[in-house]
Protein backbone atom coordinates (compact mmCIF):
# COMPACT_ATOMS: atom_id res chain seq x y z
CA MET A 1 -20.53 -40.52 -14.82
CA ASN A 2 -22.53 -42.23 -12.14
CA ALA A 3 -24.53 -40.50 -9.42
CA ARG A 4 -21.74 -40.83 -6.89
CA GLN A 5 -19.18 -39.18 -9.20
CA VAL A 6 -21.61 -36.36 -9.92
CA ALA A 7 -22.20 -35.86 -6.20
CA VAL A 8 -18.44 -35.75 -5.52
CA ALA A 9 -17.90 -33.28 -8.40
CA VAL A 10 -20.73 -31.02 -7.18
CA THR A 11 -19.43 -31.14 -3.61
CA ALA A 12 -15.89 -30.30 -4.77
CA CYS A 13 -17.16 -27.34 -6.82
CA TRP A 14 -19.22 -26.12 -3.89
CA CYS A 15 -16.15 -26.30 -1.61
CA LEU A 16 -14.03 -24.32 -4.10
CA VAL A 17 -16.68 -21.64 -4.46
CA SER A 18 -17.03 -21.42 -0.67
CA VAL A 19 -13.29 -21.03 -0.15
CA ALA A 20 -13.09 -18.35 -2.86
CA TRP A 21 -16.01 -16.50 -1.29
CA LEU A 22 -14.43 -16.64 2.18
CA CYS A 23 -11.08 -15.39 0.84
CA ALA A 24 -12.80 -12.49 -0.94
CA ASP A 25 -14.73 -11.66 2.24
CA GLU A 26 -11.49 -11.61 4.29
CA LYS A 27 -9.84 -9.34 1.70
CA ASP A 28 -12.82 -6.98 1.86
CA LYS A 29 -12.58 -6.89 5.68
CA ASP A 30 -8.83 -6.18 5.47
CA GLU A 31 -9.45 -3.35 2.98
CA LYS A 32 -12.13 -1.84 5.23
CA LYS A 33 -9.81 -2.02 8.24
CA GLU A 34 -7.01 -0.42 6.21
CA HIS A 35 -9.34 2.38 5.10
CA ASP A 36 -10.67 2.96 8.64
CA THR A 37 -7.09 3.15 9.91
CA ALA A 38 -6.23 5.68 7.20
CA ARG A 39 -9.22 7.81 8.18
CA ALA A 40 -8.21 7.75 11.88
CA VAL A 41 -4.55 8.55 11.19
CA LEU A 42 -5.15 11.27 8.61
CA ALA A 43 -7.77 12.97 10.80
CA LYS A 44 -5.14 13.74 13.45
CA ALA A 45 -1.87 13.70 11.49
CA LYS A 46 0.27 16.82 11.59
CA ILE A 47 2.54 15.53 8.81
CA ASP A 48 1.66 13.91 5.50
CA LEU A 49 2.89 10.74 3.83
CA PRO A 50 5.60 12.45 1.72
CA LYS A 51 7.03 14.04 4.88
CA ALA A 52 7.01 10.65 6.65
CA ILE A 53 8.90 9.15 3.70
CA SER A 54 11.44 11.97 3.91
CA VAL A 55 11.89 11.43 7.67
CA ALA A 56 12.37 7.68 7.12
CA GLN A 57 14.94 8.27 4.39
CA ALA A 58 16.86 10.64 6.66
CA LYS A 59 16.94 7.87 9.29
CA VAL A 60 18.07 5.23 6.76
CA PRO A 61 19.95 7.22 4.08
CA LYS A 62 20.90 4.17 1.99
CA GLY A 63 17.28 2.98 1.90
CA LYS A 64 14.99 3.29 -1.11
CA PRO A 65 11.28 3.50 -0.25
CA ILE A 66 9.26 0.59 -1.63
CA TYR A 67 6.03 0.81 0.39
CA ALA A 68 4.43 3.23 2.86
CA SER A 69 1.09 3.26 4.66
CA THR A 70 -0.80 4.32 7.77
CA GLU A 71 -1.06 2.22 10.93
CA GLN A 72 -2.45 2.39 14.45
CA GLU A 73 -0.31 0.57 16.97
CA GLY A 74 -0.48 0.74 20.76
CA GLY A 75 -2.62 3.87 20.61
CA LYS A 76 -0.12 5.64 18.32
CA LEU A 77 -1.01 6.97 14.90
CA LEU A 78 1.80 6.07 12.51
CA PHE A 79 3.13 6.13 9.01
CA GLU A 80 5.05 2.93 8.28
CA VAL A 81 7.72 3.34 5.63
CA TYR A 82 9.48 0.30 4.22
CA LEU A 83 12.87 0.83 2.62
CA LEU A 84 15.04 -1.52 0.60
CA VAL A 85 18.62 -1.57 1.90
CA ASP A 86 21.08 -3.94 0.23
CA GLY A 87 18.24 -6.25 -0.83
CA LYS A 88 16.64 -6.38 2.64
CA VAL A 89 13.64 -4.48 3.99
CA THR A 90 13.92 -2.02 6.87
CA GLU A 91 10.75 -0.61 8.44
CA VAL A 92 10.71 2.90 9.87
CA GLU A 93 7.69 3.91 11.95
CA VAL A 94 7.06 7.67 11.98
CA ASP A 95 4.63 9.23 14.45
CA ALA A 96 1.94 10.93 12.33
CA VAL A 97 1.42 13.68 14.91
CA SER A 98 4.97 14.55 16.04
CA GLY A 99 6.84 13.53 12.88
CA GLN A 100 9.41 11.70 15.01
CA VAL A 101 10.81 8.24 14.30
CA VAL A 102 9.25 5.81 16.78
CA LYS A 103 10.98 2.59 15.74
CA THR A 104 13.31 1.16 13.12
CA GLU A 105 13.38 -2.57 12.39
CA GLU A 106 15.51 -4.51 9.95
CA GLY A 107 14.52 -7.80 8.33
CA GLU A 108 10.90 -6.91 7.61
CA ASP A 109 10.78 -8.59 4.19
CA ASP A 110 7.59 -10.50 5.04
CA GLU A 111 5.71 -7.23 5.69
CA VAL A 112 5.79 -6.02 2.07
CA GLU A 113 3.12 -7.71 -0.05
CA ASN A 114 4.59 -6.80 -3.45
CA LEU A 115 8.25 -7.19 -2.48
CA ASP A 116 9.27 -9.06 -5.64
CA ASP A 117 7.65 -6.38 -7.79
CA ALA A 118 9.28 -3.62 -5.74
CA LYS A 119 12.73 -5.17 -6.10
CA LYS A 120 12.28 -5.29 -9.89
CA ILE A 121 11.07 -1.70 -10.12
CA VAL A 122 12.99 0.31 -7.51
CA GLY A 123 16.27 0.47 -9.43
CA ASN A 124 14.60 1.46 -12.68
CA ALA A 125 11.92 3.87 -11.46
CA LYS A 126 12.43 7.44 -12.62
CA ILE A 127 9.55 8.71 -10.47
CA THR A 128 9.92 8.97 -6.68
CA PHE A 129 7.12 8.23 -4.25
CA PRO A 130 6.74 11.95 -3.36
CA GLN A 131 6.48 12.79 -7.08
CA ALA A 132 3.87 10.05 -7.57
CA ILE A 133 1.89 11.29 -4.57
CA GLU A 134 2.01 14.85 -5.92
CA ALA A 135 0.73 13.67 -9.32
CA ALA A 136 -2.05 11.66 -7.64
CA MET A 137 -3.11 14.63 -5.52
CA LYS A 138 -3.44 16.75 -8.67
CA LYS A 139 -5.92 14.19 -10.02
CA VAL A 140 -7.90 13.80 -6.77
CA GLU A 141 -9.02 17.16 -5.44
CA GLY A 142 -8.56 17.39 -1.67
CA GLY A 143 -7.02 13.91 -1.55
CA LYS A 144 -4.66 12.91 1.24
CA ALA A 145 -2.31 10.02 0.46
CA PHE A 146 -2.27 7.13 2.92
CA GLU A 147 -0.58 4.35 0.93
CA VAL A 148 1.98 4.16 -1.86
CA GLU A 149 3.59 1.07 -3.36
CA PHE A 150 5.29 -0.42 -6.39
CA GLU A 151 3.33 -2.93 -8.47
CA MET A 152 3.77 -4.76 -11.76
CA GLU A 153 0.69 -4.83 -13.99
CA ASP A 154 0.85 -6.34 -17.45
CA ASN A 155 4.68 -6.09 -17.32
CA LYS A 156 4.41 -2.37 -16.60
CA ALA A 157 6.08 -0.75 -13.56
CA ILE A 158 3.40 1.09 -11.59
CA ILE A 159 3.31 3.23 -8.49
CA GLY A 160 -0.07 2.85 -6.82
CA VAL A 161 -1.22 5.71 -4.58
CA GLU A 162 -4.32 5.45 -2.39
CA LEU A 163 -5.90 8.66 -1.16
CA LEU A 164 -8.70 9.67 1.16
CA ALA A 165 -10.86 12.37 -0.44
CA GLY A 166 -13.76 13.26 1.84
CA ASN A 167 -15.54 9.94 2.37
CA LYS A 168 -14.12 8.40 -0.79
CA ILE A 169 -11.08 6.16 -1.16
CA MET A 170 -9.38 6.80 -4.49
CA GLU A 171 -6.58 4.86 -6.15
CA VAL A 172 -4.30 6.45 -8.72
CA GLU A 173 -1.91 4.36 -10.80
CA ILE A 174 1.16 6.11 -12.17
CA ASP A 175 3.75 4.80 -14.60
CA ALA A 176 6.95 4.49 -12.52
CA ILE A 177 9.13 5.30 -15.51
CA THR A 178 7.31 8.18 -17.24
CA GLY A 179 5.19 9.62 -14.41
CA LYS A 180 2.08 9.45 -16.60
CA VAL A 181 -1.18 8.94 -14.70
CA LEU A 182 -2.63 5.70 -16.04
CA GLU A 183 -5.82 5.29 -14.03
CA VAL A 184 -7.91 6.98 -11.37
CA GLU A 185 -10.65 4.96 -9.71
CA GLU A 186 -12.76 4.92 -6.58
CA GLU A 187 -12.32 1.96 -4.25
CA LYS A 188 -15.20 0.55 -2.25
CA ASP A 189 -15.02 -0.16 1.50
């Protein structure tokens, strides 16, 4: 290799490392924003995430929940519940204070990060989101759930539950078939 080839190779490596670092930094910022939103919503919420899921299912009875989280939108504190209906995603926004449905939108497939995983798992899961949240809350004393979703990890169907416990953010992974708690870990902001 001549000096020019070495310089090009070093520059290319530097660019790849920089891009990876920037992507990781953006992910960290998104996680922090998500956690700050959860803190704001849960501080004033009069209902909890399982209740919001129940309200959303009552609004869309044929829907199966595949993802739910907290959100602040237009000054409103919300739980967003995404349901799978005939292979398509419907979003139901539930006011975290009043417990009322604020909005229902169909065709929200692009809003669910793990949609392919969720579609694989939802029909086979023996554990419901409320059951998973209950199991997670038993493992995290004083925890309040703010996010629940289906994930595939090492070909295993998982329900991931994130909880706010004091100042800590905890994630609990639960086997979607057996209900067994697989992992409990603290997340960093």
